[in-house]
Amino acid sequence: MARIVMWNLVTLDGFFEAAKKWDLGFHELVWGEELERFSIEQLGSAGALIFGRATYEGMAGYWSTAKGEVAELMNAIPKFVFSRSLGKAEWNNTRLLAGEAGEAAVRLKQEEAGDMLVFGSAGLSRTLMERGLFDEYRLCLVPVVLGSGTPLFTPAQSAARMDLVEGGPSSPAPSSSSTGPTESGQATDGEPAPCFPRPSCLEVLREITLEVLVAELGGSGPDPGRELGFLGDKLPREHDVVGL
């Protein structure tokens, strides 16, 4: 049986995307080699990737023609896209799943093995959260407050207690970077900026450290308390995040 694992970069105020769609310029604050290594290791150990339609189209548009080790992994790994409107999935090694996403995800977990990673995919992620289908949340906390954007967690009817299974600061960031996305979501060389997982690092701006949180849901079996309904001061006290 497979596990469904979320991987996202999230701001201090809870957004994984700025107000403008596909504006991931805040990723520049954590750009570097450490996250590139993490991305490669994570992709290499994963069994598949899962996308909603919009994220799939953005990913396919970039990675299908990109070069490098991360691009090779992204193009080769099995991929599943949940969509009722997408006619066909042309990105290499991609399977289209129509119908209700929650039910399809339950079947997929039973049929597949290993970790299936979800990047972005706000609508799909919300459905999976409501169904309690995420087995693990891997969050890279970016030291910035956007003020507006697409929230990772939206209000729910009940809170969900999680266990922090791993976390730690990054190494110091370099004083400057020659490549990376700008606030407009374009790379400095004029090419479109890549989307999750970026060839980047868990490094942050000088004199700022970054917490990488890996939170795994505790217990087993259905539990309505697994629905996400917290941020900030609603997080159980023993799981408070302390920025170093």
Protein backbone atom coordinates (compact mmCIF):
# COMPACT_ATOMS: atom_id res chain seq x y z
CA MET A 1 0.00 0.00 0.00
CA ALA A 2 1.30 3.44 -0.92
CA ARG A 3 1.58 6.57 1.21
CA ILE A 4 0.58 10.05 0.04
CA VAL A 5 3.13 12.69 1.07
CA MET A 6 2.82 16.46 0.65
CA TRP A 7 5.91 18.53 -0.17
CA ASN A 8 5.55 22.29 -0.28
CA LEU A 9 7.43 25.48 0.39
CA VAL A 10 5.28 27.68 2.61
CA THR A 11 5.65 31.27 3.88
CA LEU A 12 5.45 32.33 7.51
CA ASP A 13 1.86 33.47 6.95
CA GLY A 14 0.85 30.15 5.43
CA PHE A 15 0.92 30.71 1.64
CA PHE A 16 2.51 28.35 -0.88
CA GLU A 17 1.80 30.66 -3.83
CA ALA A 18 1.64 34.45 -4.09
CA ALA A 19 -1.54 36.31 -5.06
CA LYS A 20 -0.78 35.91 -8.76
CA LYS A 21 -1.05 32.35 -10.02
CA TRP A 22 2.32 30.64 -10.46
CA ASP A 23 4.10 33.50 -8.71
CA LEU A 24 6.66 31.57 -6.70
CA GLY A 25 9.17 34.38 -6.49
CA PHE A 26 9.56 33.95 -2.73
CA HIS A 27 11.40 30.70 -3.47
CA GLU A 28 14.38 32.91 -4.29
CA LEU A 29 14.86 33.31 -0.54
CA VAL A 30 15.70 29.62 -0.21
CA TRP A 31 17.56 29.11 -3.46
CA GLY A 32 20.73 26.99 -3.41
CA GLU A 33 22.36 23.57 -3.51
CA GLU A 34 20.94 22.06 -0.33
CA LEU A 35 17.34 21.88 -1.53
CA GLU A 36 18.53 20.61 -4.89
CA ARG A 37 20.13 17.67 -3.13
CA PHE A 38 17.02 17.16 -1.04
CA SER A 39 14.81 17.26 -4.14
CA ILE A 40 16.97 14.72 -5.95
CA GLU A 41 17.01 12.36 -2.98
CA GLN A 42 13.27 12.75 -2.46
CA LEU A 43 12.44 12.13 -6.11
CA GLY A 44 14.83 9.18 -6.29
CA SER A 45 13.11 7.44 -3.39
CA ALA A 46 9.51 8.24 -4.42
CA GLY A 47 7.26 5.81 -6.21
CA ALA A 48 5.17 8.40 -8.09
CA LEU A 49 4.01 12.02 -8.30
CA ILE A 50 0.39 13.19 -7.95
CA PHE A 51 -1.01 16.41 -9.45
CA GLY A 52 -4.23 18.30 -9.92
CA ARG A 53 -4.87 19.55 -13.46
CA ALA A 54 -3.52 23.09 -13.14
CA THR A 55 -0.30 22.07 -11.41
CA TYR A 56 0.17 19.19 -13.85
CA GLU A 57 -0.07 21.54 -16.85
CA GLY A 58 2.47 23.94 -15.35
CA MET A 59 4.84 21.14 -14.40
CA ALA A 60 4.57 19.41 -17.76
CA GLY A 61 5.11 22.68 -19.60
CA TYR A 62 8.40 23.29 -17.82
CA TRP A 63 9.93 19.92 -16.99
CA SER A 64 9.15 18.12 -20.26
CA THR A 65 11.78 20.26 -22.02
CA ALA A 66 14.12 21.00 -19.09
CA LYS A 67 17.58 19.50 -18.75
CA GLY A 68 19.56 18.22 -15.79
CA GLU A 69 19.33 15.55 -13.12
CA VAL A 70 16.11 16.83 -11.55
CA ALA A 71 14.48 17.10 -14.99
CA GLU A 72 15.47 13.54 -15.82
CA LEU A 73 13.90 12.29 -12.61
CA MET A 74 10.74 14.36 -13.11
CA ASN A 75 10.26 13.06 -16.64
CA ALA A 76 10.96 9.41 -15.80
CA ILE A 77 9.00 8.95 -12.57
CA PRO A 78 5.41 7.63 -12.81
CA LYS A 79 2.89 10.46 -12.56
CA PHE A 80 -0.86 10.63 -11.91
CA VAL A 81 -3.06 13.62 -12.71
CA PHE A 82 -6.57 13.95 -11.25
CA SER A 83 -8.89 15.81 -13.61
CA ARG A 84 -12.43 15.67 -14.95
CA SER A 85 -11.72 18.17 -17.74
CA LEU A 86 -8.30 17.18 -19.08
CA GLY A 87 -8.73 15.24 -22.30
CA LYS A 88 -5.41 13.40 -22.21
CA ALA A 89 -2.08 13.45 -20.39
CA GLU A 90 0.85 13.71 -22.81
CA TRP A 91 3.72 14.17 -20.35
CA ASN A 92 5.92 11.08 -20.31
CA ASN A 93 4.83 8.27 -17.98
CA THR A 94 1.62 10.02 -16.88
CA ARG A 95 -1.73 8.39 -16.19
CA LEU A 96 -4.96 10.41 -16.20
CA LEU A 97 -7.46 9.67 -13.41
CA ALA A 98 -10.98 10.98 -13.97
CA GLY A 99 -13.90 10.96 -11.56
CA GLU A 100 -14.03 12.08 -7.93
CA ALA A 101 -10.48 12.72 -6.70
CA GLY A 102 -10.93 11.42 -3.15
CA GLU A 103 -12.27 8.05 -4.26
CA ALA A 104 -9.61 7.74 -6.97
CA ALA A 105 -6.88 8.53 -4.43
CA VAL A 106 -8.12 5.80 -2.07
CA ARG A 107 -7.93 3.26 -4.89
CA LEU A 108 -4.52 4.54 -5.94
CA LYS A 109 -3.12 4.08 -2.43
CA GLN A 110 -4.31 0.48 -2.47
CA GLU A 111 -2.91 -0.26 -5.93
CA GLU A 112 0.49 1.42 -5.71
CA ALA A 113 3.50 1.13 -3.38
CA GLY A 114 6.03 3.55 -1.93
CA ASP A 115 5.62 7.28 -1.39
CA MET A 116 3.48 9.31 -3.82
CA LEU A 117 4.44 12.98 -3.63
CA VAL A 118 2.04 15.91 -4.05
CA PHE A 119 3.47 19.31 -5.05
CA GLY A 120 1.25 22.40 -4.96
CA SER A 121 -2.13 21.29 -6.34
CA ALA A 122 -4.27 23.42 -4.02
CA GLY A 123 -7.65 21.97 -4.96
CA LEU A 124 -6.49 18.37 -4.93
CA SER A 125 -4.61 18.85 -1.66
CA ARG A 126 -7.72 20.29 -0.02
CA THR A 127 -9.71 17.21 -1.05
CA LEU A 128 -7.02 14.86 0.24
CA MET A 129 -6.83 16.77 3.53
CA GLU A 130 -10.59 16.61 4.01
CA ARG A 131 -10.50 12.85 3.42
CA GLY A 132 -7.54 12.36 5.77
CA LEU A 133 -5.52 10.80 2.96
CA PHE A 134 -2.17 12.51 3.55
CA ASP A 135 0.17 10.29 5.51
CA GLU A 136 2.93 12.86 5.85
CA TYR A 137 3.48 16.59 5.40
CA ARG A 138 6.95 17.84 4.43
CA LEU A 139 7.06 21.61 4.72
CA CYS A 140 9.94 23.94 3.96
CA LEU A 141 9.30 27.15 5.92
CA VAL A 142 10.39 30.23 3.96
CA PRO A 143 11.23 33.30 6.12
CA VAL A 144 8.90 35.81 4.47
CA VAL A 145 5.40 37.23 5.04
CA LEU A 146 3.54 37.72 1.74
CA GLY A 147 0.31 39.18 3.12
CA SER A 148 -1.81 37.45 0.47
CA GLY A 149 -1.74 34.43 -1.78
CA THR A 150 -2.96 30.85 -1.93
CA PRO A 151 -3.04 29.34 1.58
CA LEU A 152 -1.72 25.86 2.16
CA PHE A 153 -4.24 25.17 4.92
CA THR A 154 -7.81 26.43 4.80
CA PRO A 155 -10.37 26.47 7.65
CA ALA A 156 -11.77 23.06 8.57
CA GLN A 157 -14.41 21.84 11.00
CA SER A 158 -11.92 20.22 13.35
CA ALA A 159 -8.26 20.36 14.30
CA ALA A 160 -5.71 17.68 13.51
CA ARG A 161 -3.00 16.69 15.91
CA MET A 162 0.30 15.79 14.26
CA ASP A 163 3.61 14.45 15.45
CA LEU A 164 6.80 16.26 14.46
CA VAL A 165 9.07 13.46 13.28
CA GLU A 166 11.94 15.52 11.89
CA GLY A 167 13.02 19.14 11.63
CA GLY A 168 16.07 21.36 11.57
CA PRO A 169 17.70 24.58 10.34
CA SER A 170 19.52 24.95 7.07
CA SER A 171 23.09 25.96 6.52
CA PRO A 172 23.80 29.69 5.99
CA ALA A 173 22.82 31.03 2.58
CA PRO A 174 25.35 32.55 0.17
CA SER A 175 25.38 36.32 0.00
CA SER A 176 24.21 36.30 -3.61
CA SER A 177 22.88 33.93 -6.26
CA SER A 178 23.57 34.00 -9.98
CA THR A 179 20.39 32.15 -10.92
CA GLY A 180 16.90 31.74 -9.57
CA PRO A 181 13.38 33.06 -9.94
CA THR A 182 12.47 36.71 -9.52
CA GLU A 183 9.31 38.10 -7.91
CA SER A 184 7.57 37.84 -11.27
CA GLY A 185 8.23 34.10 -11.39
CA GLN A 186 10.84 34.41 -14.15
CA ALA A 187 14.40 33.20 -13.84
CA THR A 188 17.11 35.85 -13.96
CA ASP A 189 18.27 34.62 -17.36
CA GLY A 190 14.79 35.27 -18.81
CA GLU A 191 13.65 31.64 -18.84
CA PRO A 192 10.48 30.63 -16.97
CA ALA A 193 11.24 29.73 -13.39
CA PRO A 194 10.89 26.03 -12.55
CA CYS A 195 8.14 24.84 -10.23
CA PHE A 196 8.25 22.29 -7.42
CA PRO A 197 10.62 20.63 -6.88
CA ARG A 198 12.98 23.47 -7.72
CA PRO A 199 16.68 22.90 -8.31
CA SER A 200 17.30 24.79 -5.09
CA CYS A 201 18.22 24.43 -1.45
CA LEU A 202 17.10 24.72 2.12
CA GLU A 203 19.42 27.71 2.47
CA VAL A 204 18.09 31.13 3.39
CA LEU A 205 19.22 34.73 3.36
CA ARG A 206 22.29 35.65 5.39
CA GLU A 207 21.84 35.42 9.18
CA ILE A 208 18.43 33.73 8.77
CA THR A 209 17.87 30.03 9.36
CA LEU A 210 15.17 27.86 7.91
CA GLU A 211 13.13 25.17 9.60
CA VAL A 212 12.29 22.17 7.44
CA LEU A 213 9.36 20.46 9.07
CA VAL A 214 8.37 16.89 8.40
CA ALA A 215 5.10 16.21 10.23
CA GLU A 216 3.64 12.75 10.17
CA LEU A 217 0.07 12.00 11.18
CA GLY A 218 -0.05 9.79 14.24
CA GLY A 219 -2.29 6.81 14.90
CA SER A 220 -3.95 4.53 12.41
CA GLY A 221 -7.35 4.09 10.85
CA PRO A 222 -9.99 6.75 10.07
CA ASP A 223 -9.91 9.71 12.40
CA PRO A 224 -11.96 12.85 11.82
CA GLY A 225 -9.41 14.73 13.90
CA ARG A 226 -6.93 14.34 11.03
CA GLU A 227 -8.72 17.06 9.07
CA LEU A 228 -6.55 20.13 9.08
CA GLY A 229 -7.89 23.13 10.90
CA PHE A 230 -4.92 24.86 12.43
CA LEU A 231 -2.26 27.42 11.78
CA GLY A 232 -0.17 29.52 14.10
CA ASP A 233 -1.50 29.65 17.65
CA LYS A 234 -3.92 26.76 16.98
CA LEU A 235 -1.01 24.33 16.68
CA PRO A 236 -0.65 22.15 19.81
CA ARG A 237 1.82 23.77 22.16
CA GLU A 238 4.32 20.94 22.17
CA HIS A 239 4.56 21.25 18.39
CA ASP A 240 5.27 24.96 18.29
CA VAL A 241 7.82 25.93 15.66
CA VAL A 242 10.71 28.01 16.92
CA GLY A 243 12.73 29.97 14.37
CA LEU A 244 16.40 30.04 15.27
